[in-house]
N, C-alpha and C. Protein backbone atom coordinates (compact mmCIF):
# COMPACT_ATOMS: atom_id res chain seq x y z
N MET A 1 36.64 -104.64 -24.94
CA MET A 1 37.64 -105.07 -25.92
C MET A 1 37.74 -104.04 -27.04
N LYS A 2 38.98 -103.78 -27.48
CA LYS A 2 39.22 -102.90 -28.62
C LYS A 2 39.84 -103.70 -29.76
N TYR A 3 39.67 -103.18 -30.95
CA TYR A 3 40.22 -103.82 -32.14
C TYR A 3 41.23 -102.87 -32.77
N TYR A 4 42.40 -103.39 -33.08
CA TYR A 4 43.50 -102.56 -33.57
C TYR A 4 43.78 -102.84 -35.04
N VAL A 5 43.93 -101.76 -35.80
CA VAL A 5 44.24 -101.86 -37.22
C VAL A 5 45.60 -101.22 -37.47
N ILE A 6 46.50 -101.98 -38.05
CA ILE A 6 47.81 -101.45 -38.42
C ILE A 6 47.79 -101.15 -39.91
N ARG A 7 48.04 -99.92 -40.27
CA ARG A 7 48.09 -99.59 -41.70
C ARG A 7 49.54 -99.44 -42.17
N GLN A 8 50.46 -99.27 -41.23
CA GLN A 8 51.87 -99.19 -41.59
C GLN A 8 52.69 -99.76 -40.44
N GLY A 9 53.29 -100.92 -40.66
CA GLY A 9 54.07 -101.59 -39.64
C GLY A 9 54.74 -102.82 -40.21
N LYS A 10 55.18 -103.71 -39.33
CA LYS A 10 55.82 -104.94 -39.79
C LYS A 10 54.80 -105.85 -40.49
N LYS A 11 53.52 -105.61 -40.18
CA LYS A 11 52.46 -106.39 -40.79
C LYS A 11 51.18 -105.57 -40.79
N LYS A 12 50.47 -105.54 -41.90
CA LYS A 12 49.18 -104.85 -41.97
C LYS A 12 48.09 -105.85 -41.63
N TRP A 13 47.42 -105.62 -40.51
CA TRP A 13 46.43 -106.59 -40.06
C TRP A 13 45.56 -105.97 -38.98
N THR A 14 44.54 -106.71 -38.55
CA THR A 14 43.71 -106.29 -37.43
C THR A 14 43.96 -107.23 -36.26
N PHE A 15 43.95 -106.68 -35.04
CA PHE A 15 44.23 -107.46 -33.85
C PHE A 15 43.23 -107.12 -32.75
N THR A 16 42.99 -108.07 -31.87
CA THR A 16 42.12 -107.83 -30.72
C THR A 16 42.93 -107.66 -29.45
N SER A 17 44.24 -107.76 -29.56
CA SER A 17 45.12 -107.65 -28.41
C SER A 17 46.10 -106.50 -28.63
N ARG A 18 46.17 -105.60 -27.67
CA ARG A 18 47.12 -104.49 -27.75
C ARG A 18 48.56 -105.00 -27.74
N ASP A 19 48.82 -106.02 -26.93
CA ASP A 19 50.16 -106.58 -26.85
C ASP A 19 50.57 -107.22 -28.18
N GLU A 20 49.60 -107.89 -28.84
CA GLU A 20 49.89 -108.51 -30.13
C GLU A 20 50.17 -107.44 -31.18
N CYS A 21 49.39 -106.37 -31.13
CA CYS A 21 49.60 -105.26 -32.04
C CYS A 21 51.00 -104.65 -31.83
N LYS A 22 51.39 -104.57 -30.57
CA LYS A 22 52.68 -103.97 -30.21
C LYS A 22 53.84 -104.65 -30.92
N ASP A 23 53.75 -105.98 -31.06
CA ASP A 23 54.83 -106.74 -31.69
C ASP A 23 55.10 -106.29 -33.12
N TYR A 24 54.08 -105.72 -33.78
CA TYR A 24 54.22 -105.37 -35.18
C TYR A 24 54.45 -103.87 -35.42
N VAL A 25 54.44 -103.06 -34.36
CA VAL A 25 54.68 -101.63 -34.54
C VAL A 25 55.90 -101.13 -33.76
N GLN A 26 56.23 -101.81 -32.67
CA GLN A 26 57.37 -101.37 -31.87
C GLN A 26 58.66 -101.54 -32.65
N GLY A 27 59.43 -100.45 -32.72
CA GLY A 27 60.68 -100.48 -33.44
C GLY A 27 60.55 -100.24 -34.93
N PHE A 28 59.30 -100.11 -35.41
CA PHE A 28 59.07 -99.86 -36.84
C PHE A 28 58.97 -98.36 -37.07
N ARG A 29 59.83 -97.83 -37.89
CA ARG A 29 59.86 -96.39 -38.14
C ARG A 29 58.58 -95.92 -38.83
N ASP A 30 57.99 -94.85 -38.29
CA ASP A 30 56.75 -94.27 -38.84
C ASP A 30 55.57 -95.25 -38.81
N ALA A 31 55.51 -96.06 -37.77
CA ALA A 31 54.38 -96.98 -37.63
C ALA A 31 53.09 -96.20 -37.46
N LYS A 32 52.00 -96.70 -38.05
CA LYS A 32 50.71 -96.04 -37.94
C LYS A 32 49.65 -97.09 -37.64
N TYR A 33 48.87 -96.84 -36.60
CA TYR A 33 47.85 -97.78 -36.19
C TYR A 33 46.75 -97.04 -35.43
N LYS A 34 45.62 -97.68 -35.25
CA LYS A 34 44.49 -97.05 -34.57
C LYS A 34 43.58 -98.11 -33.98
N SER A 35 42.98 -97.78 -32.83
CA SER A 35 42.04 -98.70 -32.21
C SER A 35 40.60 -98.33 -32.55
N PHE A 36 39.74 -99.35 -32.59
CA PHE A 36 38.31 -99.15 -32.86
C PHE A 36 37.51 -99.91 -31.81
N LYS A 37 36.32 -99.43 -31.54
CA LYS A 37 35.50 -100.01 -30.47
C LYS A 37 34.82 -101.31 -30.90
N THR A 38 34.56 -101.46 -32.19
CA THR A 38 33.86 -102.66 -32.66
C THR A 38 34.64 -103.36 -33.76
N LYS A 39 34.37 -104.65 -33.90
CA LYS A 39 35.02 -105.45 -34.93
C LYS A 39 34.63 -104.95 -36.32
N GLN A 40 33.36 -104.54 -36.46
CA GLN A 40 32.87 -104.06 -37.76
C GLN A 40 33.62 -102.80 -38.20
N GLU A 41 33.85 -101.88 -37.26
CA GLU A 41 34.57 -100.65 -37.58
C GLU A 41 36.01 -100.96 -38.00
N ALA A 42 36.64 -101.88 -37.27
CA ALA A 42 38.02 -102.24 -37.58
C ALA A 42 38.13 -102.88 -38.95
N GLU A 43 37.22 -103.80 -39.26
CA GLU A 43 37.25 -104.48 -40.55
C GLU A 43 36.99 -103.51 -41.70
N ALA A 44 36.09 -102.55 -41.46
CA ALA A 44 35.80 -101.55 -42.49
C ALA A 44 37.02 -100.66 -42.72
N ALA A 45 37.70 -100.28 -41.63
CA ALA A 45 38.89 -99.43 -41.76
C ALA A 45 40.01 -100.17 -42.49
N PHE A 46 40.14 -101.46 -42.21
CA PHE A 46 41.19 -102.24 -42.86
C PHE A 46 40.90 -102.39 -44.36
N LYS A 47 39.62 -102.54 -44.69
CA LYS A 47 39.23 -102.74 -46.09
C LYS A 47 39.24 -101.43 -46.87
N ASP A 48 38.65 -100.39 -46.31
CA ASP A 48 38.47 -99.14 -47.03
C ASP A 48 39.68 -98.20 -46.97
N GLY A 49 40.48 -98.34 -45.94
CA GLY A 49 41.59 -97.40 -45.76
C GLY A 49 41.43 -96.65 -44.46
N TYR A 50 42.48 -96.55 -43.75
CA TYR A 50 42.50 -95.94 -42.41
C TYR A 50 41.92 -94.52 -42.38
N GLU A 51 42.31 -93.68 -43.36
CA GLU A 51 41.94 -92.27 -43.32
C GLU A 51 40.43 -92.05 -43.35
N LEU A 52 39.71 -92.90 -44.07
CA LEU A 52 38.26 -92.73 -44.20
C LEU A 52 37.53 -92.94 -42.88
N HIS A 53 38.15 -93.64 -41.95
CA HIS A 53 37.48 -93.98 -40.70
C HIS A 53 38.12 -93.31 -39.49
N TYR A 54 38.92 -92.30 -39.73
CA TYR A 54 39.61 -91.67 -38.60
C TYR A 54 38.66 -90.82 -37.78
N GLU A 55 37.99 -89.85 -38.38
CA GLU A 55 37.04 -89.02 -37.65
C GLU A 55 36.07 -88.39 -38.63
N SER A 56 34.92 -87.98 -38.12
CA SER A 56 33.88 -87.46 -38.99
C SER A 56 34.02 -85.98 -39.27
N LYS A 57 34.80 -85.25 -38.43
CA LYS A 57 34.97 -83.82 -38.63
C LYS A 57 36.41 -83.54 -39.06
N PRO A 58 36.63 -82.48 -39.84
CA PRO A 58 37.97 -82.17 -40.31
C PRO A 58 38.88 -81.77 -39.15
N LYS A 59 40.13 -82.22 -39.20
CA LYS A 59 41.04 -81.88 -38.13
C LYS A 59 42.14 -80.92 -38.57
N ASP A 60 42.13 -80.50 -39.84
CA ASP A 60 43.21 -79.64 -40.31
C ASP A 60 43.01 -78.19 -39.90
N ARG A 61 41.77 -77.79 -39.58
CA ARG A 61 41.54 -76.42 -39.14
C ARG A 61 40.24 -76.34 -38.35
N TRP A 62 40.10 -75.30 -37.56
CA TRP A 62 38.88 -75.08 -36.78
C TRP A 62 38.10 -73.98 -37.48
N ARG A 63 36.89 -74.28 -37.85
CA ARG A 63 36.06 -73.28 -38.50
C ARG A 63 35.41 -72.39 -37.45
N VAL A 64 35.21 -71.13 -37.79
CA VAL A 64 34.64 -70.18 -36.84
C VAL A 64 33.28 -70.64 -36.34
N GLU A 65 32.49 -71.25 -37.23
CA GLU A 65 31.13 -71.63 -36.85
C GLU A 65 31.08 -72.89 -35.99
N ASP A 66 32.20 -73.61 -35.88
CA ASP A 66 32.19 -74.87 -35.15
C ASP A 66 32.16 -74.69 -33.64
N LEU A 67 32.98 -73.78 -33.13
CA LEU A 67 33.08 -73.62 -31.67
C LEU A 67 33.84 -72.34 -31.34
N PRO A 68 33.65 -71.83 -30.13
CA PRO A 68 34.42 -70.64 -29.74
C PRO A 68 35.86 -71.03 -29.42
N TYR A 69 36.82 -70.31 -29.98
CA TYR A 69 38.22 -70.57 -29.68
C TYR A 69 39.04 -69.31 -29.93
N GLU A 70 40.23 -69.29 -29.36
CA GLU A 70 41.14 -68.18 -29.58
C GLU A 70 41.70 -68.29 -30.99
N LYS A 71 41.33 -67.40 -31.87
CA LYS A 71 41.69 -67.53 -33.28
C LYS A 71 43.17 -67.28 -33.54
N ASN A 72 43.78 -66.41 -32.75
CA ASN A 72 45.19 -66.08 -32.93
C ASN A 72 46.02 -67.07 -32.12
N SER A 73 46.05 -68.32 -32.56
CA SER A 73 46.66 -69.35 -31.72
C SER A 73 47.19 -70.52 -32.54
N ILE A 74 47.91 -71.41 -31.84
CA ILE A 74 48.40 -72.63 -32.46
C ILE A 74 47.95 -73.82 -31.60
N ALA A 75 47.95 -75.00 -32.19
CA ALA A 75 47.66 -76.24 -31.47
C ALA A 75 48.89 -77.12 -31.56
N VAL A 76 49.22 -77.80 -30.46
CA VAL A 76 50.38 -78.69 -30.45
C VAL A 76 49.95 -80.08 -30.01
N ASP A 77 50.65 -81.09 -30.50
CA ASP A 77 50.36 -82.45 -30.08
C ASP A 77 51.57 -83.33 -30.37
N ALA A 78 51.60 -84.49 -29.69
CA ALA A 78 52.71 -85.44 -29.86
C ALA A 78 52.15 -86.84 -29.99
N ALA A 79 52.96 -87.75 -30.53
CA ALA A 79 52.56 -89.14 -30.67
C ALA A 79 53.80 -90.03 -30.68
N CYS A 80 53.64 -91.23 -30.12
CA CYS A 80 54.71 -92.22 -30.11
C CYS A 80 54.27 -93.45 -30.89
N SER A 81 55.21 -94.09 -31.59
CA SER A 81 54.90 -95.34 -32.27
C SER A 81 54.62 -96.42 -31.23
N TRP A 82 55.24 -96.30 -30.06
CA TRP A 82 54.89 -97.07 -28.86
C TRP A 82 55.37 -96.26 -27.68
N ASN A 83 55.29 -96.78 -26.47
CA ASN A 83 55.64 -95.98 -25.31
C ASN A 83 56.55 -96.75 -24.37
N PRO A 84 57.88 -96.55 -24.37
CA PRO A 84 58.57 -95.56 -25.20
C PRO A 84 58.77 -96.05 -26.63
N GLY A 85 59.03 -95.11 -27.51
CA GLY A 85 59.23 -95.44 -28.91
C GLY A 85 59.56 -94.20 -29.68
N GLN A 86 59.49 -94.29 -31.00
CA GLN A 86 59.77 -93.11 -31.81
C GLN A 86 58.71 -92.05 -31.56
N LEU A 87 59.16 -90.86 -31.27
CA LEU A 87 58.28 -89.75 -30.93
C LEU A 87 58.30 -88.70 -32.02
N GLU A 88 57.18 -88.08 -32.25
CA GLU A 88 57.13 -86.90 -33.10
C GLU A 88 56.10 -85.93 -32.55
N TYR A 89 56.35 -84.65 -32.75
CA TYR A 89 55.34 -83.67 -32.36
C TYR A 89 55.33 -82.52 -33.36
N LYS A 90 54.21 -81.82 -33.40
CA LYS A 90 54.06 -80.73 -34.36
C LYS A 90 53.17 -79.64 -33.82
N TRP A 91 53.24 -78.50 -34.48
CA TRP A 91 52.37 -77.36 -34.16
C TRP A 91 51.58 -77.01 -35.41
N ILE A 92 50.33 -76.62 -35.22
CA ILE A 92 49.43 -76.23 -36.32
C ILE A 92 48.94 -74.81 -36.08
N ASP A 93 49.01 -73.97 -37.09
CA ASP A 93 48.38 -72.66 -37.04
C ASP A 93 46.88 -72.86 -37.20
N LEU A 94 46.10 -72.53 -36.19
CA LEU A 94 44.68 -72.87 -36.21
C LEU A 94 43.87 -72.19 -37.31
N PRO A 95 44.01 -70.89 -37.54
CA PRO A 95 43.19 -70.27 -38.59
C PRO A 95 43.41 -70.85 -39.98
N SER A 96 44.66 -71.20 -40.31
CA SER A 96 44.96 -71.65 -41.67
C SER A 96 45.13 -73.16 -41.79
N GLY A 97 45.43 -73.84 -40.66
CA GLY A 97 45.71 -75.27 -40.71
C GLY A 97 47.13 -75.58 -41.15
N LYS A 98 47.97 -74.56 -41.30
CA LYS A 98 49.35 -74.74 -41.75
C LYS A 98 50.19 -75.41 -40.67
N ILE A 99 51.01 -76.39 -41.07
CA ILE A 99 51.96 -77.01 -40.14
C ILE A 99 53.16 -76.08 -39.99
N LEU A 100 53.38 -75.58 -38.77
CA LEU A 100 54.46 -74.65 -38.51
C LEU A 100 55.75 -75.37 -38.13
N PHE A 101 55.61 -76.56 -37.55
CA PHE A 101 56.79 -77.27 -37.07
C PHE A 101 56.45 -78.75 -36.94
N HIS A 102 57.41 -79.60 -37.32
CA HIS A 102 57.22 -81.05 -37.20
C HIS A 102 58.59 -81.68 -37.03
N GLN A 103 58.78 -82.37 -35.90
CA GLN A 103 60.09 -82.97 -35.62
C GLN A 103 59.91 -84.38 -35.08
N LYS A 104 60.89 -85.25 -35.39
CA LYS A 104 60.86 -86.63 -34.94
C LYS A 104 62.08 -86.92 -34.06
N PHE A 105 61.86 -87.80 -33.07
CA PHE A 105 62.93 -88.24 -32.18
C PHE A 105 62.85 -89.76 -32.06
N PHE A 106 63.74 -90.34 -31.27
CA PHE A 106 63.72 -91.78 -31.09
C PHE A 106 63.77 -92.13 -29.61
N LEU A 107 62.99 -93.15 -29.23
CA LEU A 107 62.96 -93.69 -27.88
C LEU A 107 62.58 -92.64 -26.84
N TRP A 108 61.42 -92.06 -27.03
CA TRP A 108 60.86 -91.13 -26.06
C TRP A 108 59.48 -91.62 -25.67
N THR A 109 58.82 -90.87 -24.79
CA THR A 109 57.45 -91.22 -24.40
C THR A 109 56.50 -90.10 -24.82
N ASN A 110 55.23 -90.43 -24.88
CA ASN A 110 54.23 -89.46 -25.30
C ASN A 110 54.15 -88.27 -24.35
N ASN A 111 54.25 -88.54 -23.03
CA ASN A 111 54.18 -87.45 -22.05
C ASN A 111 55.33 -86.46 -22.22
N ILE A 112 56.51 -86.99 -22.52
CA ILE A 112 57.65 -86.10 -22.77
C ILE A 112 57.37 -85.25 -24.01
N GLY A 113 56.84 -85.89 -25.04
CA GLY A 113 56.54 -85.17 -26.27
C GLY A 113 55.53 -84.06 -26.08
N GLU A 114 54.47 -84.33 -25.29
CA GLU A 114 53.45 -83.31 -25.02
C GLU A 114 54.08 -82.12 -24.29
N PHE A 115 54.96 -82.42 -23.34
CA PHE A 115 55.64 -81.37 -22.57
C PHE A 115 56.53 -80.53 -23.47
N LEU A 116 57.39 -81.17 -24.25
CA LEU A 116 58.32 -80.44 -25.11
C LEU A 116 57.61 -79.68 -26.22
N ALA A 117 56.50 -80.23 -26.71
CA ALA A 117 55.74 -79.54 -27.76
C ALA A 117 55.25 -78.19 -27.26
N ILE A 118 54.81 -78.15 -26.00
CA ILE A 118 54.35 -76.88 -25.42
C ILE A 118 55.52 -75.93 -25.20
N VAL A 119 56.61 -76.45 -24.60
CA VAL A 119 57.78 -75.60 -24.32
C VAL A 119 58.30 -74.97 -25.60
N HIS A 120 58.49 -75.77 -26.62
CA HIS A 120 59.02 -75.25 -27.88
C HIS A 120 58.00 -74.38 -28.60
N GLY A 121 56.71 -74.68 -28.41
CA GLY A 121 55.67 -73.83 -28.98
C GLY A 121 55.67 -72.45 -28.35
N LEU A 122 55.85 -72.39 -27.04
CA LEU A 122 55.94 -71.10 -26.34
C LEU A 122 57.13 -70.29 -26.84
N LYS A 123 58.24 -70.95 -27.01
CA LYS A 123 59.45 -70.29 -27.51
C LYS A 123 59.20 -69.74 -28.92
N TYR A 124 58.55 -70.53 -29.75
CA TYR A 124 58.28 -70.11 -31.12
C TYR A 124 57.39 -68.86 -31.14
N LEU A 125 56.32 -68.89 -30.35
CA LEU A 125 55.39 -67.76 -30.36
C LEU A 125 56.05 -66.49 -29.82
N LYS A 126 56.93 -66.65 -28.85
CA LYS A 126 57.64 -65.48 -28.31
C LYS A 126 58.59 -64.89 -29.34
N GLU A 127 59.27 -65.75 -30.07
CA GLU A 127 60.25 -65.28 -31.06
C GLU A 127 59.59 -64.79 -32.34
N HIS A 128 58.35 -65.20 -32.59
CA HIS A 128 57.66 -64.81 -33.83
C HIS A 128 56.41 -63.99 -33.53
N LYS A 129 56.47 -63.17 -32.52
CA LYS A 129 55.27 -62.41 -32.13
C LYS A 129 54.82 -61.40 -33.19
N HIS A 130 55.72 -61.06 -34.11
CA HIS A 130 55.35 -60.13 -35.17
C HIS A 130 55.20 -60.84 -36.52
N ALA A 131 55.09 -62.16 -36.48
CA ALA A 131 54.92 -62.91 -37.73
C ALA A 131 53.63 -62.49 -38.42
N PRO A 132 53.62 -62.45 -39.75
CA PRO A 132 52.43 -61.97 -40.48
C PRO A 132 51.17 -62.79 -40.24
N TRP A 133 51.32 -64.08 -39.87
CA TRP A 133 50.13 -64.90 -39.66
C TRP A 133 49.48 -64.65 -38.31
N LEU A 134 50.18 -63.89 -37.42
CA LEU A 134 49.60 -63.55 -36.12
C LEU A 134 48.92 -62.20 -36.19
N ALA A 135 47.67 -62.14 -35.76
CA ALA A 135 46.93 -60.88 -35.80
C ALA A 135 47.60 -59.86 -34.89
N PRO A 136 47.91 -58.66 -35.39
CA PRO A 136 48.59 -57.65 -34.57
C PRO A 136 47.72 -57.17 -33.43
N GLY A 137 48.36 -56.93 -32.28
CA GLY A 137 47.65 -56.35 -31.15
C GLY A 137 46.78 -57.30 -30.36
N SER A 138 46.81 -58.58 -30.67
CA SER A 138 45.97 -59.53 -29.94
C SER A 138 46.82 -60.54 -29.20
N ASP A 139 46.27 -61.12 -28.13
CA ASP A 139 46.99 -62.12 -27.36
C ASP A 139 47.09 -63.41 -28.13
N LYS A 140 48.21 -64.09 -27.94
CA LYS A 140 48.39 -65.40 -28.57
C LYS A 140 47.96 -66.48 -27.58
N ALA A 141 47.57 -67.63 -28.13
CA ALA A 141 47.17 -68.75 -27.27
C ALA A 141 47.75 -70.03 -27.85
N LEU A 142 47.95 -71.00 -26.98
CA LEU A 142 48.46 -72.31 -27.39
C LEU A 142 47.53 -73.37 -26.82
N TYR A 143 47.04 -74.26 -27.70
CA TYR A 143 46.15 -75.34 -27.29
C TYR A 143 46.90 -76.66 -27.19
N SER A 144 46.62 -77.39 -26.10
CA SER A 144 47.13 -78.75 -25.92
C SER A 144 45.99 -79.59 -25.38
N ASP A 145 45.96 -80.89 -25.72
CA ASP A 145 44.91 -81.75 -25.18
C ASP A 145 45.41 -82.57 -23.98
N SER A 146 46.60 -82.22 -23.48
CA SER A 146 47.20 -82.95 -22.35
C SER A 146 47.17 -82.12 -21.07
N LYS A 147 46.30 -82.48 -20.13
CA LYS A 147 46.25 -81.75 -18.87
C LYS A 147 47.52 -81.98 -18.04
N HIS A 148 48.13 -83.17 -18.20
CA HIS A 148 49.35 -83.47 -17.48
C HIS A 148 50.50 -82.58 -17.97
N ALA A 149 50.61 -82.41 -19.27
CA ALA A 149 51.67 -81.58 -19.82
C ALA A 149 51.47 -80.12 -19.41
N ILE A 150 50.24 -79.65 -19.44
CA ILE A 150 49.95 -78.27 -19.03
C ILE A 150 50.33 -78.06 -17.57
N SER A 151 50.01 -79.05 -16.73
CA SER A 151 50.35 -78.97 -15.30
C SER A 151 51.87 -78.93 -15.11
N ARG A 152 52.58 -79.74 -15.88
CA ARG A 152 54.04 -79.78 -15.74
C ARG A 152 54.69 -78.50 -16.24
N ILE A 153 54.05 -77.84 -17.20
CA ILE A 153 54.56 -76.55 -17.66
C ILE A 153 54.47 -75.53 -16.51
N SER A 154 53.36 -75.53 -15.79
CA SER A 154 53.20 -74.60 -14.67
C SER A 154 54.20 -74.88 -13.55
N GLN A 155 54.58 -76.16 -13.41
CA GLN A 155 55.57 -76.55 -12.41
C GLN A 155 57.00 -76.43 -12.93
N LYS A 156 57.13 -76.18 -14.24
CA LYS A 156 58.43 -76.03 -14.90
C LYS A 156 59.29 -77.29 -14.79
N LYS A 157 58.63 -78.45 -14.74
CA LYS A 157 59.32 -79.73 -14.64
C LYS A 157 58.61 -80.77 -15.50
N CYS A 158 59.38 -81.57 -16.22
CA CYS A 158 58.81 -82.62 -17.07
C CYS A 158 58.32 -83.81 -16.25
N LYS A 159 59.07 -84.19 -15.23
CA LYS A 159 58.71 -85.27 -14.31
C LYS A 159 58.48 -86.61 -15.03
N THR A 160 59.38 -86.96 -15.90
CA THR A 160 59.25 -88.25 -16.57
C THR A 160 59.76 -89.38 -15.68
N LYS A 161 59.15 -90.55 -15.83
CA LYS A 161 59.56 -91.73 -15.07
C LYS A 161 60.46 -92.65 -15.90
N LEU A 162 60.78 -92.22 -17.11
CA LEU A 162 61.62 -93.04 -17.97
C LEU A 162 63.03 -93.15 -17.39
N GLU A 163 63.58 -94.34 -17.47
CA GLU A 163 64.90 -94.60 -16.88
C GLU A 163 66.00 -93.93 -17.70
N LYS A 164 66.99 -93.39 -16.99
CA LYS A 164 68.14 -92.79 -17.65
C LYS A 164 69.11 -93.89 -18.08
N THR A 165 69.36 -93.98 -19.37
CA THR A 165 70.29 -94.96 -19.92
C THR A 165 71.15 -94.28 -20.98
N THR A 166 72.07 -95.03 -21.54
CA THR A 166 72.89 -94.46 -22.61
C THR A 166 72.03 -94.11 -23.82
N GLN A 167 70.92 -94.85 -24.01
CA GLN A 167 70.02 -94.58 -25.14
C GLN A 167 69.20 -93.32 -24.93
N THR A 168 68.88 -93.02 -23.68
CA THR A 168 68.00 -91.88 -23.39
C THR A 168 68.78 -90.65 -22.91
N LYS A 169 70.11 -90.73 -22.88
CA LYS A 169 70.93 -89.62 -22.38
C LYS A 169 70.65 -88.32 -23.11
N LYS A 170 70.61 -88.38 -24.44
CA LYS A 170 70.36 -87.18 -25.24
C LYS A 170 68.99 -86.59 -24.94
N MET A 171 68.01 -87.45 -24.73
CA MET A 171 66.67 -87.00 -24.43
C MET A 171 66.63 -86.20 -23.14
N PHE A 172 67.31 -86.71 -22.11
CA PHE A 172 67.32 -86.01 -20.82
C PHE A 172 68.06 -84.68 -20.91
N GLU A 173 69.02 -84.57 -21.79
CA GLU A 173 69.70 -83.29 -22.00
C GLU A 173 68.75 -82.27 -22.60
N ILE A 174 67.93 -82.72 -23.55
CA ILE A 174 66.94 -81.82 -24.17
C ILE A 174 65.88 -81.41 -23.15
N ILE A 175 65.44 -82.36 -22.33
CA ILE A 175 64.45 -82.05 -21.28
C ILE A 175 65.01 -81.01 -20.32
N ALA A 176 66.27 -81.18 -19.91
CA ALA A 176 66.90 -80.24 -18.98
C ALA A 176 66.94 -78.83 -19.57
N LYS A 177 67.27 -78.72 -20.85
CA LYS A 177 67.31 -77.42 -21.50
C LYS A 177 65.92 -76.79 -21.54
N ALA A 178 64.91 -77.63 -21.78
CA ALA A 178 63.53 -77.12 -21.82
C ALA A 178 63.10 -76.60 -20.45
N GLU A 179 63.46 -77.32 -19.40
CA GLU A 179 63.11 -76.89 -18.04
C GLU A 179 63.80 -75.58 -17.68
N VAL A 180 65.07 -75.45 -18.05
CA VAL A 180 65.81 -74.20 -17.80
C VAL A 180 65.17 -73.05 -18.56
N ARG A 181 64.72 -73.32 -19.79
CA ARG A 181 64.07 -72.28 -20.59
C ARG A 181 62.80 -71.78 -19.90
N LEU A 182 62.04 -72.69 -19.33
CA LEU A 182 60.83 -72.30 -18.61
C LEU A 182 61.16 -71.47 -17.37
N GLN A 183 62.22 -71.84 -16.67
CA GLN A 183 62.60 -71.17 -15.43
C GLN A 183 63.18 -69.78 -15.66
N LYS A 184 63.84 -69.59 -16.80
CA LYS A 184 64.54 -68.33 -17.05
C LYS A 184 63.74 -67.34 -17.90
N ASN A 185 62.65 -67.78 -18.48
CA ASN A 185 61.88 -66.90 -19.36
C ASN A 185 60.46 -66.71 -18.85
N LYS A 186 59.90 -65.57 -19.17
CA LYS A 186 58.52 -65.27 -18.83
C LYS A 186 57.69 -65.29 -20.11
N TYR A 187 56.64 -66.11 -20.11
CA TYR A 187 55.79 -66.23 -21.29
C TYR A 187 54.40 -65.68 -21.00
N THR A 188 53.88 -64.88 -21.92
CA THR A 188 52.54 -64.31 -21.76
C THR A 188 51.49 -65.10 -22.53
N THR A 189 51.93 -66.08 -23.29
CA THR A 189 51.00 -66.90 -24.07
C THR A 189 50.03 -67.67 -23.17
N LYS A 190 48.77 -67.63 -23.50
CA LYS A 190 47.78 -68.43 -22.76
C LYS A 190 47.86 -69.88 -23.21
N ILE A 191 47.94 -70.79 -22.24
CA ILE A 191 47.94 -72.22 -22.55
C ILE A 191 46.55 -72.76 -22.22
N LEU A 192 45.85 -73.25 -23.23
CA LEU A 192 44.46 -73.66 -23.07
C LEU A 192 44.30 -75.15 -23.32
N LYS A 193 43.42 -75.77 -22.54
CA LYS A 193 43.16 -77.21 -22.67
C LYS A 193 42.15 -77.46 -23.78
N ARG A 194 42.52 -78.34 -24.67
CA ARG A 194 41.60 -78.75 -25.75
C ARG A 194 40.76 -79.92 -25.23
N HIS A 195 39.45 -79.74 -25.10
CA HIS A 195 38.57 -80.77 -24.59
C HIS A 195 38.08 -81.65 -25.74
N THR A 196 38.81 -82.73 -25.97
CA THR A 196 38.51 -83.58 -27.13
C THR A 196 37.17 -84.27 -27.03
N SER A 197 36.68 -84.52 -25.82
CA SER A 197 35.38 -85.18 -25.68
C SER A 197 34.25 -84.30 -26.20
N GLU A 198 34.46 -82.99 -26.21
CA GLU A 198 33.44 -82.05 -26.67
C GLU A 198 33.72 -81.53 -28.07
N TRP A 199 35.00 -81.39 -28.42
CA TRP A 199 35.38 -80.70 -29.65
C TRP A 199 36.05 -81.59 -30.68
N TRP A 200 36.08 -82.90 -30.50
CA TRP A 200 36.80 -83.87 -31.31
C TRP A 200 38.31 -83.65 -31.19
N GLU A 201 39.10 -84.43 -31.93
CA GLU A 201 40.55 -84.42 -31.75
C GLU A 201 41.19 -83.08 -32.10
N ILE A 202 42.27 -82.77 -31.40
CA ILE A 202 43.00 -81.53 -31.65
C ILE A 202 43.56 -81.56 -33.08
N PRO A 203 43.56 -80.44 -33.81
CA PRO A 203 44.00 -80.45 -35.21
C PRO A 203 45.44 -80.94 -35.42
N ALA A 204 46.28 -80.86 -34.38
CA ALA A 204 47.66 -81.33 -34.51
C ALA A 204 47.77 -82.83 -34.23
N ASP A 205 46.67 -83.50 -33.99
CA ASP A 205 46.66 -84.93 -33.65
C ASP A 205 47.24 -85.77 -34.79
N PHE A 206 47.90 -86.89 -34.44
CA PHE A 206 48.51 -87.77 -35.42
C PHE A 206 47.62 -88.96 -35.79
N GLY A 207 46.50 -89.13 -35.11
CA GLY A 207 45.58 -90.20 -35.48
C GLY A 207 46.02 -91.58 -35.08
N ARG A 208 46.58 -91.74 -33.89
CA ARG A 208 47.04 -93.06 -33.44
C ARG A 208 46.31 -93.55 -32.21
N LYS A 209 45.18 -92.99 -31.89
CA LYS A 209 44.44 -93.39 -30.70
C LYS A 209 43.57 -94.59 -31.01
């Protein structure tokens, strides 16, 4: 059993049911919630504030002494208020922790967001290869914590199971453009898997797990 804490939604409360929690976040713009393994953790997070109980290590940047990583790189991640629901994704410059890009959409899925975050991140790095924040003469890398999204990038297909409707028409147009971009362009950026079980959450994470 998991315990859910809503800090921003139709109601601020703790729940023991994911479906019950869903009723108070689905359709709510910028909903924020998180699950906890124990009732004590959930109650403490509700009382003290969500941010204090998110994680024990900083997620805004990776320190050199923490772990080996490609320093000349960015991290990307996506999150949905529900699935499907309002989607947002962003990219983080790893050495500085600076947010390079942050965009919101409506009625998408997390898998689509992870895929598009990588595609658009690759495009950004290619177009900004001489940006001052990138170390000259070194290879660039892009980190994602989604093995499914990384696999779909190699296949150059999003492969979403979301139904095509009048509400999702615009989304499928954007996906099609992203797939064409992958097929017509050659990217030298290394795409690396972020192992969250070993290294904690990716710095671009939105904190909704």
